[in-house]
Amino acid sequence: MLRITCPLCGERDYTEFRYGGDASKPRPAHGTSDSAAWNSYVFLFDNPKGSHREYWQHVLGCRRWLVLDRNTATNAVGESRLPREVASK
């Protein structure tokens, strides 16, 4: 069973969370009107095998978004952080 540690609430079952997408993909700059860049960001996905950084939301808890390091091949969960902590690194 997948257990995710929320930085604010502690360790919880994965059913309390919802997957929010790829956290390693760079978002187009604010105000960018390049439709190809936005199309790529929103609709095109890689299917990585191995270590990957993902957005998850703790919907049945504090409702905060977090960035989770997870191995997609083994489902092993690594460090989880608030997005602002990742941006400051």
PDB file of N, CA and C in Angstrom:
ATOM      1  N   MET A   1       0.843  -1.180   0.000  1.00  0.00           N
ATOM      2  CA  MET A   1       0.000   0.000   0.000  1.00  0.00           C
ATOM      3  C   MET A   1       0.888   1.242   0.000  1.00  0.00           C
ATOM      4  N   LEU A   2       0.505   2.216  -0.766  1.00  0.00           N
ATOM      5  CA  LEU A   2       1.254   3.459  -0.888  1.00  0.00           C
ATOM      6  C   LEU A   2       0.913   4.382   0.280  1.00  0.00           C
ATOM      7  N   ARG A   3       1.946   4.824   0.992  1.00  0.00           N
ATOM      8  CA  ARG A   3       1.782   5.771   2.095  1.00  0.00           C
ATOM      9  C   ARG A   3       2.543   7.042   1.723  1.00  0.00           C
ATOM     10  N   ILE A   4       1.876   8.182   1.846  1.00  0.00           N
ATOM     11  CA  ILE A   4       2.471   9.474   1.507  1.00  0.00           C
ATOM     12  C   ILE A   4       2.569  10.303   2.769  1.00  0.00           C
ATOM     13  N   THR A   5       3.715  10.925   2.979  1.00  0.00           N
ATOM     14  CA  THR A   5       3.893  11.790   4.140  1.00  0.00           C
ATOM     15  C   THR A   5       3.593  13.222   3.741  1.00  0.00           C
ATOM     16  N   CYS A   6       2.522  13.777   4.297  1.00  0.00           N
ATOM     17  CA  CYS A   6       2.194  15.183   4.095  1.00  0.00           C
ATOM     18  C   CYS A   6       3.109  15.993   5.010  1.00  0.00           C
ATOM     19  N   PRO A   7       3.757  17.050   4.498  1.00  0.00           N
ATOM     20  CA  PRO A   7       4.640  17.858   5.341  1.00  0.00           C
ATOM     21  C   PRO A   7       3.912  18.492   6.532  1.00  0.00           C
ATOM     22  N   LEU A   8       2.583  18.650   6.433  1.00  0.00           N
ATOM     23  CA  LEU A   8       1.829  19.289   7.506  1.00  0.00           C
ATOM     24  C   LEU A   8       1.071  18.301   8.386  1.00  0.00           C
ATOM     25  N   CYS A   9       0.594  17.199   7.819  1.00  0.00           N
ATOM     26  CA  CYS A   9      -0.280  16.270   8.549  1.00  0.00           C
ATOM     27  C   CYS A   9       0.385  14.956   8.933  1.00  0.00           C
ATOM     28  N   GLY A  10       1.541  14.664   8.363  1.00  0.00           N
ATOM     29  CA  GLY A  10       2.213  13.404   8.641  1.00  0.00           C
ATOM     30  C   GLY A  10       1.849  12.331   7.628  1.00  0.00           C
ATOM     31  N   GLU A  11       2.214  11.096   7.964  1.00  0.00           N
ATOM     32  CA  GLU A  11       2.015   9.981   7.035  1.00  0.00           C
ATOM     33  C   GLU A  11       0.540   9.608   6.934  1.00  0.00           C
ATOM     34  N   ARG A  12       0.071   9.447   5.693  1.00  0.00           N
ATOM     35  CA  ARG A  12      -1.331   9.115   5.422  1.00  0.00           C
ATOM     36  C   ARG A  12      -1.405   8.109   4.275  1.00  0.00           C
ATOM     37  N   ASP A  13      -2.559   7.463   4.151  1.00  0.00           N
ATOM     38  CA  ASP A  13      -2.816   6.549   3.052  1.00  0.00           C
ATOM     39  C   ASP A  13      -2.964   7.341   1.756  1.00  0.00           C
ATOM     40  N   TYR A  14      -2.543   6.762   0.647  1.00  0.00           N
ATOM     41  CA  TYR A  14      -2.598   7.467  -0.636  1.00  0.00           C
ATOM     42  C   TYR A  14      -4.018   7.839  -1.049  1.00  0.00           C
ATOM     43  N   THR A  15      -5.033   7.177  -0.512  1.00  0.00           N
ATOM     44  CA  THR A  15      -6.417   7.475  -0.890  1.00  0.00           C
ATOM     45  C   THR A  15      -6.852   8.862  -0.421  1.00  0.00           C
ATOM     46  N   GLU A  16      -6.097   9.487   0.478  1.00  0.00           N
ATOM     47  CA  GLU A  16      -6.401  10.856   0.919  1.00  0.00           C
ATOM     48  C   GLU A  16      -5.886  11.896  -0.066  1.00  0.00           C
ATOM     49  N   PHE A  17      -5.117  11.471  -1.057  1.00  0.00           N
ATOM     50  CA  PHE A  17      -4.444  12.380  -1.987  1.00  0.00           C
ATOM     51  C   PHE A  17      -4.960  12.190  -3.397  1.00  0.00           C
ATOM     52  N   ARG A  18      -4.773  13.206  -4.222  1.00  0.00           N
ATOM     53  CA  ARG A  18      -5.073  13.130  -5.654  1.00  0.00           C
ATOM     54  C   ARG A  18      -3.842  13.578  -6.432  1.00  0.00           C
ATOM     55  N   TYR A  19      -3.522  12.787  -7.459  1.00  0.00           N
ATOM     56  CA  TYR A  19      -2.391  13.088  -8.327  1.00  0.00           C
ATOM     57  C   TYR A  19      -2.666  14.370  -9.093  1.00  0.00           C
ATOM     58  N   GLY A  20      -1.656  15.245  -9.203  1.00  0.00           N
ATOM     59  CA  GLY A  20      -1.849  16.525  -9.862  1.00  0.00           C
ATOM     60  C   GLY A  20      -0.959  16.781 -11.058  1.00  0.00           C
ATOM     61  N   GLY A  21      -0.133  15.820 -11.439  1.00  0.00           N
ATOM     62  CA  GLY A  21       0.679  16.008 -12.630  1.00  0.00           C
ATOM     63  C   GLY A  21       2.173  16.011 -12.369  1.00  0.00           C
ATOM     64  N   ASP A  22       2.893  16.216 -13.448  1.00  0.00           N
ATOM     65  CA  ASP A  22       4.351  16.199 -13.474  1.00  0.00           C
ATOM     66  C   ASP A  22       4.901  17.491 -12.875  1.00  0.00           C
ATOM     67  N   ALA A  23       5.685  17.382 -11.811  1.00  0.00           N
ATOM     68  CA  ALA A  23       6.261  18.572 -11.174  1.00  0.00           C
ATOM     69  C   ALA A  23       7.629  18.932 -11.735  1.00  0.00           C
ATOM     70  N   SER A  24       8.148  18.105 -12.642  1.00  0.00           N
ATOM     71  CA  SER A  24       9.465  18.400 -13.205  1.00  0.00           C
ATOM     72  C   SER A  24       9.366  19.154 -14.531  1.00  0.00           C
ATOM     73  N   LYS A  25       8.158  19.277 -15.049  1.00  0.00           N
ATOM     74  CA  LYS A  25       7.934  19.938 -16.341  1.00  0.00           C
ATOM     75  C   LYS A  25       7.870  21.459 -16.135  1.00  0.00           C
ATOM     76  N   PRO A  26       8.687  22.236 -16.842  1.00  0.00           N
ATOM     77  CA  PRO A  26       8.653  23.695 -16.652  1.00  0.00           C
ATOM     78  C   PRO A  26       7.371  24.313 -17.215  1.00  0.00           C
ATOM     79  N   ARG A  27       6.733  25.152 -16.411  1.00  0.00           N
ATOM     80  CA  ARG A  27       5.512  25.828 -16.829  1.00  0.00           C
ATOM     81  C   ARG A  27       5.881  27.026 -17.704  1.00  0.00           C
ATOM     82  N   PRO A  28       5.108  27.277 -18.763  1.00  0.00           N
ATOM     83  CA  PRO A  28       5.369  28.483 -19.573  1.00  0.00           C
ATOM     84  C   PRO A  28       5.264  29.754 -18.714  1.00  0.00           C
ATOM     85  N   ALA A  29       6.000  30.767 -19.087  1.00  0.00           N
ATOM     86  CA  ALA A  29       6.013  32.020 -18.323  1.00  0.00           C
ATOM     87  C   ALA A  29       4.622  32.640 -18.250  1.00  0.00           C
ATOM     88  N   HIS A  30       4.349  33.293 -17.134  1.00  0.00           N
ATOM     89  CA  HIS A  30       3.070  33.977 -16.941  1.00  0.00           C
ATOM     90  C   HIS A  30       2.864  35.007 -18.051  1.00  0.00           C
ATOM     91  N   GLY A  31       1.701  34.997 -18.664  1.00  0.00           N
ATOM     92  CA  GLY A  31       1.397  35.935 -19.732  1.00  0.00           C
ATOM     93  C   GLY A  31       1.818  35.468 -21.117  1.00  0.00           C
ATOM     94  N   THR A  32       2.433  34.289 -21.190  1.00  0.00           N
ATOM     95  CA  THR A  32       2.850  33.768 -22.487  1.00  0.00           C
ATOM     96  C   THR A  32       1.638  33.388 -23.322  1.00  0.00           C
ATOM     97  N   SER A  33       1.602  33.838 -24.539  1.00  0.00           N
ATOM     98  CA  SER A  33       0.476  33.505 -25.416  1.00  0.00           C
ATOM     99  C   SER A  33       0.866  32.462 -26.457  1.00  0.00           C
ATOM    100  N   ASP A  34       2.003  31.823 -26.273  1.00  0.00           N
ATOM    101  CA  ASP A  34       2.465  30.785 -27.190  1.00  0.00           C
ATOM    102  C   ASP A  34       1.616  29.527 -26.988  1.00  0.00           C
ATOM    103  N   SER A  35       0.669  29.314 -27.889  1.00  0.00           N
ATOM    104  CA  SER A  35      -0.273  28.207 -27.714  1.00  0.00           C
ATOM    105  C   SER A  35       0.420  26.851 -27.810  1.00  0.00           C
ATOM    106  N   ALA A  36       1.498  26.750 -28.568  1.00  0.00           N
ATOM    107  CA  ALA A  36       2.225  25.482 -28.669  1.00  0.00           C
ATOM    108  C   ALA A  36       2.865  25.117 -27.325  1.00  0.00           C
ATOM    109  N   ALA A  37       3.410  26.111 -26.636  1.00  0.00           N
ATOM    110  CA  ALA A  37       4.021  25.866 -25.325  1.00  0.00           C
ATOM    111  C   ALA A  37       2.975  25.428 -24.308  1.00  0.00           C
ATOM    112  N   TRP A  38       1.824  26.095 -24.303  1.00  0.00           N
ATOM    113  CA  TRP A  38       0.749  25.729 -23.378  1.00  0.00           C
ATOM    114  C   TRP A  38       0.157  24.370 -23.729  1.00  0.00           C
ATOM    115  N   ASN A  39       0.002  24.079 -25.016  1.00  0.00           N
ATOM    116  CA  ASN A  39      -0.503  22.779 -25.433  1.00  0.00           C
ATOM    117  C   ASN A  39       0.416  21.665 -24.939  1.00  0.00           C
ATOM    118  N   SER A  40       1.701  21.862 -25.096  1.00  0.00           N
ATOM    119  CA  SER A  40       2.677  20.880 -24.637  1.00  0.00           C
ATOM    120  C   SER A  40       2.605  20.705 -23.124  1.00  0.00           C
ATOM    121  N   TYR A  41       2.512  21.817 -22.385  1.00  0.00           N
ATOM    122  CA  TYR A  41       2.489  21.768 -20.924  1.00  0.00           C
ATOM    123  C   TYR A  41       1.239  21.060 -20.404  1.00  0.00           C
ATOM    124  N   VAL A  42       0.095  21.336 -20.999  1.00  0.00           N
ATOM    125  CA  VAL A  42      -1.173  20.807 -20.492  1.00  0.00           C
ATOM    126  C   VAL A  42      -1.484  19.406 -21.007  1.00  0.00           C
ATOM    127  N   PHE A  43      -1.201  19.124 -22.271  1.00  0.00           N
ATOM    128  CA  PHE A  43      -1.714  17.906 -22.880  1.00  0.00           C
ATOM    129  C   PHE A  43      -0.691  16.821 -23.199  1.00  0.00           C
ATOM    130  N   LEU A  44       0.587  17.149 -23.277  1.00  0.00           N
ATOM    131  CA  LEU A  44       1.595  16.153 -23.633  1.00  0.00           C
ATOM    132  C   LEU A  44       2.307  15.650 -22.378  1.00  0.00           C
ATOM    133  N   PHE A  45       2.308  14.341 -22.214  1.00  0.00           N
ATOM    134  CA  PHE A  45       2.870  13.744 -21.007  1.00  0.00           C
ATOM    135  C   PHE A  45       3.922  12.708 -21.354  1.00  0.00           C
ATOM    136  N   ASP A  46       4.966  12.659 -20.555  1.00  0.00           N
ATOM    137  CA  ASP A  46       5.932  11.576 -20.627  1.00  0.00           C
ATOM    138  C   ASP A  46       5.438  10.490 -19.682  1.00  0.00           C
ATOM    139  N   ASN A  47       5.901   9.285 -19.880  1.00  0.00           N
ATOM    140  CA  ASN A  47       5.562   8.190 -18.988  1.00  0.00           C
ATOM    141  C   ASN A  47       6.876   7.638 -18.435  1.00  0.00           C
ATOM    142  N   PRO A  48       7.470   8.353 -17.469  1.00  0.00           N
ATOM    143  CA  PRO A  48       8.805   7.971 -17.004  1.00  0.00           C
ATOM    144  C   PRO A  48       8.778   6.682 -16.187  1.00  0.00           C
ATOM    145  N   LYS A  49       9.858   5.943 -16.284  1.00  0.00           N
ATOM    146  CA  LYS A  49      10.034   4.763 -15.442  1.00  0.00           C
ATOM    147  C   LYS A  49      11.204   5.059 -14.522  1.00  0.00           C
ATOM    148  N   GLY A  50      10.948   5.013 -13.233  1.00  0.00           N
ATOM    149  CA  GLY A  50      11.990   5.295 -12.263  1.00  0.00           C
ATOM    150  C   GLY A  50      11.646   6.520 -11.422  1.00  0.00           C
ATOM    151  N   SER A  51      12.660   7.164 -10.905  1.00  0.00           N
ATOM    152  CA  SER A  51      12.478   8.309 -10.019  1.00  0.00           C
ATOM    153  C   SER A  51      11.813   9.467 -10.763  1.00  0.00           C
ATOM    154  N   HIS A  52      10.810  10.053 -10.116  1.00  0.00           N
ATOM    155  CA  HIS A  52      10.023  11.098 -10.769  1.00  0.00           C
ATOM    156  C   HIS A  52       9.471  12.058  -9.703  1.00  0.00           C
ATOM    157  N   ARG A  53       9.347  13.319 -10.064  1.00  0.00           N
ATOM    158  CA  ARG A  53       8.799  14.338  -9.160  1.00  0.00           C
ATOM    159  C   ARG A  53       7.381  14.677  -9.613  1.00  0.00           C
ATOM    160  N   GLU A  54       6.407  14.612  -8.670  1.00  0.00           N
ATOM    161  CA  GLU A  54       4.990  14.764  -8.999  1.00  0.00           C
ATOM    162  C   GLU A  54       4.290  15.728  -8.041  1.00  0.00           C
ATOM    163  N   TYR A  55       3.225  16.367  -8.538  1.00  0.00           N
ATOM    164  CA  TYR A  55       2.332  17.155  -7.690  1.00  0.00           C
ATOM    165  C   TYR A  55       1.234  16.245  -7.153  1.00  0.00           C
ATOM    166  N   TRP A  56       0.923  16.378  -5.879  1.00  0.00           N
ATOM    167  CA  TRP A  56      -0.196  15.681  -5.249  1.00  0.00           C
ATOM    168  C   TRP A  56      -0.915  16.684  -4.356  1.00  0.00           C
ATOM    169  N   GLN A  57      -2.228  16.541  -4.214  1.00  0.00           N
ATOM    170  CA  GLN A  57      -2.992  17.395  -3.307  1.00  0.00           C
ATOM    171  C   GLN A  57      -3.579  16.531  -2.196  1.00  0.00           C
ATOM    172  N   HIS A  58      -3.455  16.986  -0.969  1.00  0.00           N
ATOM    173  CA  HIS A  58      -3.999  16.277   0.190  1.00  0.00           C
ATOM    174  C   HIS A  58      -5.475  16.664   0.351  1.00  0.00           C
ATOM    175  N   VAL A  59      -6.330  16.089  -0.479  1.00  0.00           N
ATOM    176  CA  VAL A  59      -7.733  16.502  -0.565  1.00  0.00           C
ATOM    177  C   VAL A  59      -8.559  16.134   0.659  1.00  0.00           C
ATOM    178  N   LEU A  60      -8.213  15.067   1.366  1.00  0.00           N
ATOM    179  CA  LEU A  60      -8.984  14.669   2.547  1.00  0.00           C
ATOM    180  C   LEU A  60      -8.284  15.073   3.836  1.00  0.00           C
ATOM    181  N   GLY A  61      -7.365  15.993   3.735  1.00  0.00           N
ATOM    182  CA  GLY A  61      -6.644  16.484   4.906  1.00  0.00           C
ATOM    183  C   GLY A  61      -6.576  17.995   4.877  1.00  0.00           C
ATOM    184  N   CYS A  62      -5.370  18.515   4.810  1.00  0.00           N
ATOM    185  CA  CYS A  62      -5.152  19.965   4.861  1.00  0.00           C
ATOM    186  C   CYS A  62      -5.434  20.663   3.529  1.00  0.00           C
ATOM    187  N   ARG A  63      -5.674  19.901   2.459  1.00  0.00           N
ATOM    188  CA  ARG A  63      -5.975  20.398   1.114  1.00  0.00           C
ATOM    189  C   ARG A  63      -4.797  21.131   0.456  1.00  0.00           C
ATOM    190  N   ARG A  64      -3.627  21.017   1.012  1.00  0.00           N
ATOM    191  CA  ARG A  64      -2.448  21.665   0.446  1.00  0.00           C
ATOM    192  C   ARG A  64      -1.852  20.813  -0.670  1.00  0.00           C
ATOM    193  N   TRP A  65      -1.197  21.489  -1.614  1.00  0.00           N
ATOM    194  CA  TRP A  65      -0.456  20.806  -2.666  1.00  0.00           C
ATOM    195  C   TRP A  65       0.930  20.470  -2.145  1.00  0.00           C
ATOM    196  N   LEU A  66       1.487  19.378  -2.608  1.00  0.00           N
ATOM    197  CA  LEU A  66       2.847  19.025  -2.252  1.00  0.00           C
ATOM    198  C   LEU A  66       3.559  18.451  -3.469  1.00  0.00           C
ATOM    199  N   VAL A  67       4.876  18.460  -3.403  1.00  0.00           N
ATOM    200  CA  VAL A  67       5.711  17.868  -4.441  1.00  0.00           C
ATOM    201  C   VAL A  67       6.299  16.600  -3.839  1.00  0.00           C
ATOM    202  N   LEU A  68       6.061  15.486  -4.523  1.00  0.00           N
ATOM    203  CA  LEU A  68       6.454  14.180  -4.018  1.00  0.00           C
ATOM    204  C   LEU A  68       7.452  13.532  -4.962  1.00  0.00           C
ATOM    205  N   ASP A  69       8.524  12.991  -4.409  1.00  0.00           N
ATOM    206  CA  ASP A  69       9.460  12.188  -5.184  1.00  0.00           C
ATOM    207  C   ASP A  69       8.987  10.742  -5.083  1.00  0.00           C
ATOM    208  N   ARG A  70       8.722  10.115  -6.242  1.00  0.00           N
ATOM    209  CA  ARG A  70       8.199   8.747  -6.255  1.00  0.00           C
ATOM    210  C   ARG A  70       8.851   7.967  -7.379  1.00  0.00           C
ATOM    211  N   ASN A  71       9.168   6.721  -7.114  1.00  0.00           N
ATOM    212  CA  ASN A  71       9.693   5.835  -8.139  1.00  0.00           C
ATOM    213  C   ASN A  71       8.510   5.161  -8.810  1.00  0.00           C
ATOM    214  N   THR A  72       8.286   5.449 -10.083  1.00  0.00           N
ATOM    215  CA  THR A  72       7.112   4.929 -10.780  1.00  0.00           C
ATOM    216  C   THR A  72       7.219   3.435 -11.077  1.00  0.00           C
ATOM    217  N   ALA A  73       8.420   2.878 -11.050  1.00  0.00           N
ATOM    218  CA  ALA A  73       8.594   1.446 -11.309  1.00  0.00           C
ATOM    219  C   ALA A  73       8.281   0.614 -10.067  1.00  0.00           C
ATOM    220  N   THR A  74       8.646   1.122  -8.891  1.00  0.00           N
ATOM    221  CA  THR A  74       8.470   0.350  -7.654  1.00  0.00           C
ATOM    222  C   THR A  74       7.403   0.930  -6.734  1.00  0.00           C
ATOM    223  N   ASN A  75       6.924   2.134  -7.033  1.00  0.00           N
ATOM    224  CA  ASN A  75       5.979   2.873  -6.190  1.00  0.00           C
ATOM    225  C   ASN A  75       6.576   3.280  -4.849  1.00  0.00           C
ATOM    226  N   ALA A  76       7.892   3.241  -4.744  1.00  0.00           N
ATOM    227  CA  ALA A  76       8.556   3.688  -3.516  1.00  0.00           C
ATOM    228  C   ALA A  76       8.436   5.206  -3.420  1.00  0.00           C
ATOM    229  N   VAL A  77       8.011   5.682  -2.262  1.00  0.00           N
ATOM    230  CA  VAL A  77       7.797   7.109  -2.042  1.00  0.00           C
ATOM    231  C   VAL A  77       9.009   7.702  -1.337  1.00  0.00           C
ATOM    232  N   GLY A  78       9.465   8.831  -1.848  1.00  0.00           N
ATOM    233  CA  GLY A  78      10.594   9.531  -1.249  1.00  0.00           C
ATOM    234  C   GLY A  78      10.125  10.760  -0.484  1.00  0.00           C
ATOM    235  N   GLU A  79      10.905  11.802  -0.567  1.00  0.00           N
ATOM    236  CA  GLU A  79      10.642  13.042   0.157  1.00  0.00           C
ATOM    237  C   GLU A  79       9.426  13.776  -0.404  1.00  0.00           C
ATOM    238  N   SER A  80       8.668  14.401   0.483  1.00  0.00           N
ATOM    239  CA  SER A  80       7.563  15.267   0.057  1.00  0.00           C
ATOM    240  C   SER A  80       7.779  16.647   0.668  1.00  0.00           C
ATOM    241  N   ARG A  81       7.512  17.678  -0.143  1.00  0.00           N
ATOM    242  CA  ARG A  81       7.737  19.059   0.284  1.00  0.00           C
ATOM    243  C   ARG A  81       6.612  19.929  -0.234  1.00  0.00           C
ATOM    244  N   LEU A  82       6.444  21.077   0.396  1.00  0.00           N
ATOM    245  CA  LEU A  82       5.518  22.064  -0.131  1.00  0.00           C
ATOM    246  C   LEU A  82       6.147  22.692  -1.377  1.00  0.00           C
ATOM    247  N   PRO A  83       5.360  23.043  -2.388  1.00  0.00           N
ATOM    248  CA  PRO A  83       5.931  23.600  -3.623  1.00  0.00           C
ATOM    249  C   PRO A  83       6.828  24.818  -3.413  1.00  0.00           C
ATOM    250  N   ARG A  84       6.502  25.672  -2.453  1.00  0.00           N
ATOM    251  CA  ARG A  84       7.338  26.855  -2.237  1.00  0.00           C
ATOM    252  C   ARG A  84       8.729  26.478  -1.722  1.00  0.00           C
ATOM    253  N   GLU A  85       8.836  25.343  -1.016  1.00  0.00           N
ATOM    254  CA  GLU A  85      10.145  24.882  -0.545  1.00  0.00           C
ATOM    255  C   GLU A  85      10.977  24.359  -1.700  1.00  0.00           C
ATOM    256  N   VAL A  86      10.343  23.761  -2.699  1.00  0.00           N
ATOM    257  CA  VAL A  86      11.054  23.250  -3.879  1.00  0.00           C
ATOM    258  C   VAL A  86      11.528  24.418  -4.724  1.00  0.00           C
ATOM    259  N   ALA A  87      10.692  25.455  -4.868  1.00  0.00           N
ATOM    260  CA  ALA A  87      11.039  26.618  -5.695  1.00  0.00           C
ATOM    261  C   ALA A  87      12.212  27.397  -5.115  1.00  0.00           C
ATOM    262  N   SER A  88      12.380  27.365  -3.796  1.00  0.00           N
ATOM    263  CA  SER A  88      13.440  28.138  -3.172  1.00  0.00           C
ATOM    264  C   SER A  88      14.784  27.424  -3.212  1.00  0.00           C
ATOM    265  N   LYS A  89      14.806  26.155  -3.610  1.00  0.00           N
ATOM    266  CA  LYS A  89      16.064  25.391  -3.661  1.00  0.00           C
ATOM    267  C   LYS A  89      16.796  25.635  -4.940  1.00  0.00           C
TER     268      LYS A  89
END
